[in-house]
Structure formats: structure tokens, C-alpha cells
Amino acid sequence: MITKARAYFDSLGDRDRRAILFGIAAIVLILLYGVIGLPLVEDWSRVRDQLGTYESKLDVMGGAAAGSEAKIAGLYQTVPSLELPENEDVQRKLFWDKTYDQLKSAGIAVSSGPSYVASARKKTALGFGTLRLQFSGTCKYEQFVQFLAGLKENPCLFSVEEFSIKSDEKKPEQVNIDMTLETFFK
């Protein structure tokens, strides 16, 4: 079949050969445009539309953020702020005072402590030592929950290392708590 087509092509004149070659080239170009070019053009226009949408959103956000200092001030009030650890003596007093105030404001009757367990003089990888504050007390369950909810207001970064809560058999509305909190110092 190819040999017959080649023989027929060779029997044609120069003008007919050029017309067939131009026709084949035009068909190839049309197919390439339909398969490759058209999807690229459509994709390009879709990307440009999306870019315009995102730019308009950024303009709206930028205008809203610039005129809303009250919103930013409100955001600063909702985000907790932590104080950086101080040297051991200052951090010990700051952490003890704030934790004791939180215990007292929650209505927890402290039976022992808050007292410090021996501080770890060994520094962590970042160069900070640790202080452990231990206390025991009795309170109502609601007071204990109030105390836990208020711990986020403590300006020192700390963790709850040990924690136990037991119900008092004689007074079921009372709970006995034992907690150990740990914080860092320079």
C-alpha cells in the first residue's frame, strides 16, 4: 500500500506534490493546535482568572487588616503570653507566687505545699534547668476544674508532671489532689 502511494506521488507533477505536502502540513498543524495548543490556551486563561480572584481577595484582606487595629488588639488579648525563664531565684518566686494565687483564687485548701522538690541543676539541651513545685490540697471538684482552667493564665511555661485526684470517702463532694508542676529557669 505504501509502495502504491509512493508510486502515485512520484507520477504527479510538481504543483500537485506541493499541494499535497501543504495539505498534510496543514492537517498536522491543525491536529497539534487541537491537541496541544487549545488546552494550553484554556489553561492559561483559567490560571489568569484565578490569579485575578486571589489578587482581589488579597486586596480585600489587606484593606481590612490595615483598618482594624481594634481587632489586632483583641487578638493579642486572646493569645497567651509567656514570660521567658529568669534565673533560678527569680523564677522560683514568680512561679510559686502565681501558682499559690491561682490555688487561692480557685478556693483550694492547700494541705501541704506548694513546696519545691529539689531543682534539677542539670541543664537541658537549650541551657535551662527545671524547678518542680509540688502541692496537695482538698477542694470541690468544680474548684479543681476552675483551677485547671486558670492555669493557662500563669505566665511561666510549665508542665504537669504528676497528678492524682481522689474522692474523699467521708465527704463525697470533696476531692484530694496531689500535683507536681515543672517549669524552667536559666
Protein backbone atom coordinates (compact mmCIF):
# COMPACT_ATOMS: atom_id res chain seq x y z
CA MET A 1 0.00 0.00 0.00
CA ILE A 2 2.83 2.39 0.83
CA THR A 3 4.62 1.46 -2.37
CA LYS A 4 1.46 2.17 -4.44
CA ALA A 5 1.03 5.57 -2.70
CA ARG A 6 4.68 6.38 -3.31
CA ALA A 7 4.41 5.42 -6.96
CA TYR A 8 1.27 7.56 -7.38
CA PHE A 9 3.02 10.51 -5.60
CA ASP A 10 6.01 10.20 -7.95
CA SER A 11 3.73 10.18 -11.01
CA LEU A 12 2.23 13.56 -10.03
CA GLY A 13 3.54 16.88 -11.20
CA ASP A 14 5.49 19.33 -9.01
CA ARG A 15 2.49 21.58 -8.43
CA ASP A 16 0.32 18.66 -7.25
CA ARG A 17 3.07 17.36 -4.97
CA ARG A 18 3.39 20.77 -3.29
CA ALA A 19 -0.37 20.96 -2.79
CA ILE A 20 -0.42 17.53 -1.12
CA LEU A 21 2.57 18.40 1.11
CA PHE A 22 0.94 21.71 2.17
CA GLY A 23 -2.31 19.85 2.88
CA ILE A 24 -0.53 17.27 5.05
CA ALA A 25 1.36 20.05 6.88
CA ALA A 26 -1.91 21.92 7.46
CA ILE A 27 -3.60 18.79 8.82
CA VAL A 28 -0.66 18.16 11.18
CA LEU A 29 -0.69 21.79 12.39
CA ILE A 30 -4.46 21.70 12.95
CA LEU A 31 -4.16 18.48 14.94
CA LEU A 32 -1.28 19.86 17.02
CA TYR A 33 -3.24 23.01 17.76
CA GLY A 34 -6.30 20.99 18.77
CA VAL A 35 -4.38 18.53 20.93
CA ILE A 36 -1.72 20.80 22.47
CA GLY A 37 -2.37 24.46 21.74
CA LEU A 38 -6.04 24.77 22.62
CA PRO A 39 -5.73 23.12 26.08
CA LEU A 40 -2.74 25.35 26.85
CA VAL A 41 -4.67 28.49 25.93
CA GLU A 42 -7.68 27.38 28.01
CA ASP A 43 -5.45 26.51 30.97
CA TRP A 44 -3.65 29.84 30.66
CA SER A 45 -6.91 31.79 30.75
CA ARG A 46 -8.15 29.77 33.76
CA VAL A 47 -4.91 30.49 35.63
CA ARG A 48 -5.20 34.20 34.84
CA ASP A 49 -8.79 34.25 36.14
CA GLN A 50 -7.74 32.50 39.36
CA LEU A 51 -4.84 34.91 39.78
CA GLY A 52 -7.21 37.86 39.46
CA THR A 53 -9.53 36.31 42.07
CA TYR A 54 -6.67 35.76 44.52
CA GLU A 55 -5.35 39.27 43.98
CA SER A 56 -8.77 40.76 44.72
CA LYS A 57 -9.01 38.64 47.89
CA LEU A 58 -5.58 39.87 48.99
CA ASP A 59 -6.62 43.46 48.35
CA VAL A 60 -9.75 42.97 50.48
CA MET A 61 -7.74 41.34 53.28
CA GLY A 62 -5.05 43.98 53.16
CA GLY A 63 -7.64 46.75 53.40
CA ALA A 64 -9.44 45.03 56.26
CA ALA A 65 -6.24 44.34 58.18
CA ALA A 66 -4.94 47.87 57.82
CA GLY A 67 -8.07 49.45 59.28
CA SER A 68 -8.66 47.07 62.15
CA GLU A 69 -6.23 47.88 64.95
CA ALA A 70 -9.01 47.04 67.43
CA LYS A 71 -9.22 43.51 66.02
CA ILE A 72 -5.46 43.09 66.34
CA ALA A 73 -5.53 44.38 69.92
CA GLY A 74 -8.30 41.91 70.70
CA LEU A 75 -6.23 39.13 69.17
CA TYR A 76 -3.29 39.99 71.45
CA GLN A 77 -5.60 39.66 74.46
CA THR A 78 -6.75 36.17 73.46
CA VAL A 79 -3.27 34.81 72.67
CA PRO A 80 -1.50 33.72 75.85
CA SER A 81 1.84 35.37 76.51
CA LEU A 82 4.58 33.57 78.37
CA GLU A 83 7.50 35.14 80.15
CA LEU A 84 10.93 33.87 79.36
CA PRO A 85 12.59 31.93 82.19
CA GLU A 86 14.60 34.01 84.64
CA ASN A 87 17.46 32.93 86.86
CA GLU A 88 16.57 30.29 89.44
CA ASP A 89 15.72 32.56 92.39
CA VAL A 90 13.54 34.95 90.39
CA GLN A 91 11.79 32.12 88.53
CA ARG A 92 11.19 30.21 91.77
CA LYS A 93 9.47 33.20 93.40
CA LEU A 94 7.49 34.14 90.29
CA PHE A 95 6.23 30.58 89.70
CA TRP A 96 5.45 29.96 93.40
CA ASP A 97 3.58 33.27 93.83
CA LYS A 98 1.46 32.90 90.70
CA THR A 99 0.60 29.23 91.36
CA TYR A 100 -0.28 29.96 95.01
CA ASP A 101 -2.50 32.85 93.91
CA GLN A 102 -4.26 30.59 91.43
CA LEU A 103 -4.81 27.91 94.10
CA LYS A 104 -6.20 30.51 96.49
CA SER A 105 -8.48 32.14 93.89
CA ALA A 106 -9.89 28.73 92.92
CA GLY A 107 -10.71 28.06 96.59
CA ILE A 108 -8.41 25.06 97.03
CA ALA A 109 -7.41 24.45 100.65
CA VAL A 110 -3.72 23.60 100.43
CA SER A 111 -2.79 20.94 103.00
CA SER A 112 0.88 20.69 102.07
CA GLY A 113 2.95 22.94 99.87
CA PRO A 114 3.28 24.45 97.48
CA SER A 115 6.86 23.38 98.08
CA TYR A 116 9.74 22.83 95.76
CA VAL A 117 11.15 19.43 95.15
CA ALA A 118 14.90 19.57 94.56
CA SER A 119 15.53 21.52 91.39
CA ALA A 120 17.40 19.84 88.60
CA ARG A 121 20.71 21.62 88.30
CA LYS A 122 21.45 19.64 85.17
CA LYS A 123 20.70 21.94 82.29
CA THR A 124 18.56 20.87 79.35
CA ALA A 125 19.80 20.92 75.77
CA LEU A 126 18.77 24.57 75.45
CA GLY A 127 20.62 25.56 78.63
CA PHE A 128 17.67 25.67 81.05
CA GLY A 129 17.31 23.90 84.39
CA THR A 130 13.99 22.71 85.82
CA LEU A 131 12.08 23.52 89.01
CA ARG A 132 9.41 21.19 90.40
CA LEU A 133 6.61 22.58 92.54
CA GLN A 134 4.58 20.03 94.50
CA PHE A 135 1.39 20.59 96.46
CA SER A 136 -1.56 18.72 97.96
CA GLY A 137 -4.97 20.01 98.83
CA THR A 138 -8.69 19.43 99.17
CA CYS A 139 -11.48 21.12 97.31
CA LYS A 140 -14.71 20.55 95.45
CA TYR A 141 -14.42 19.05 92.00
CA GLU A 142 -15.71 22.27 90.41
CA GLN A 143 -12.99 24.28 92.19
CA PHE A 144 -10.35 21.91 90.87
CA VAL A 145 -11.67 22.26 87.33
CA GLN A 146 -11.64 26.05 87.78
CA PHE A 147 -8.00 25.84 88.91
CA LEU A 148 -7.04 23.75 85.86
CA ALA A 149 -8.83 26.16 83.53
CA GLY A 150 -6.96 29.10 85.12
CA LEU A 151 -3.53 27.52 84.71
CA LYS A 152 -3.27 28.96 81.21
CA GLU A 153 -3.05 32.42 82.81
CA ASN A 154 0.20 31.50 84.56
CA PRO A 155 2.91 33.48 82.75
CA CYS A 156 5.52 30.75 83.29
CA LEU A 157 5.85 27.95 80.80
CA PHE A 158 5.26 24.79 82.81
CA SER A 159 4.10 21.22 82.55
CA VAL A 160 2.06 18.99 84.84
CA GLU A 161 4.49 16.21 85.75
CA GLU A 162 2.46 14.26 88.31
CA PHE A 163 -1.22 14.42 89.04
CA SER A 164 -3.64 12.42 91.17
CA ILE A 165 -7.17 13.08 92.30
CA LYS A 166 -9.07 11.00 94.84
CA SER A 167 -12.55 11.31 96.19
CA ASP A 168 -12.89 11.70 99.98
CA GLU A 169 -14.94 8.82 101.39
CA LYS A 170 -16.33 10.87 104.29
CA LYS A 171 -17.22 13.85 102.13
CA PRO A 172 -18.01 12.67 98.58
CA GLU A 173 -18.27 16.24 97.27
CA GLN A 174 -14.62 16.85 98.27
CA VAL A 175 -11.59 15.61 96.32
CA ASN A 176 -7.99 15.28 97.44
CA ILE A 177 -5.46 16.36 94.86
CA ASP A 178 -1.70 15.89 94.56
CA MET A 179 0.10 17.72 91.76
CA THR A 180 3.64 18.36 90.68
CA LEU A 181 4.28 21.17 88.22
CA GLU A 182 7.59 21.76 86.47
CA THR A 183 8.98 24.97 85.00
CA PHE A 184 12.30 26.12 83.56
CA PHE A 185 14.96 28.55 84.79
CA LYS A 186 18.12 29.98 83.23
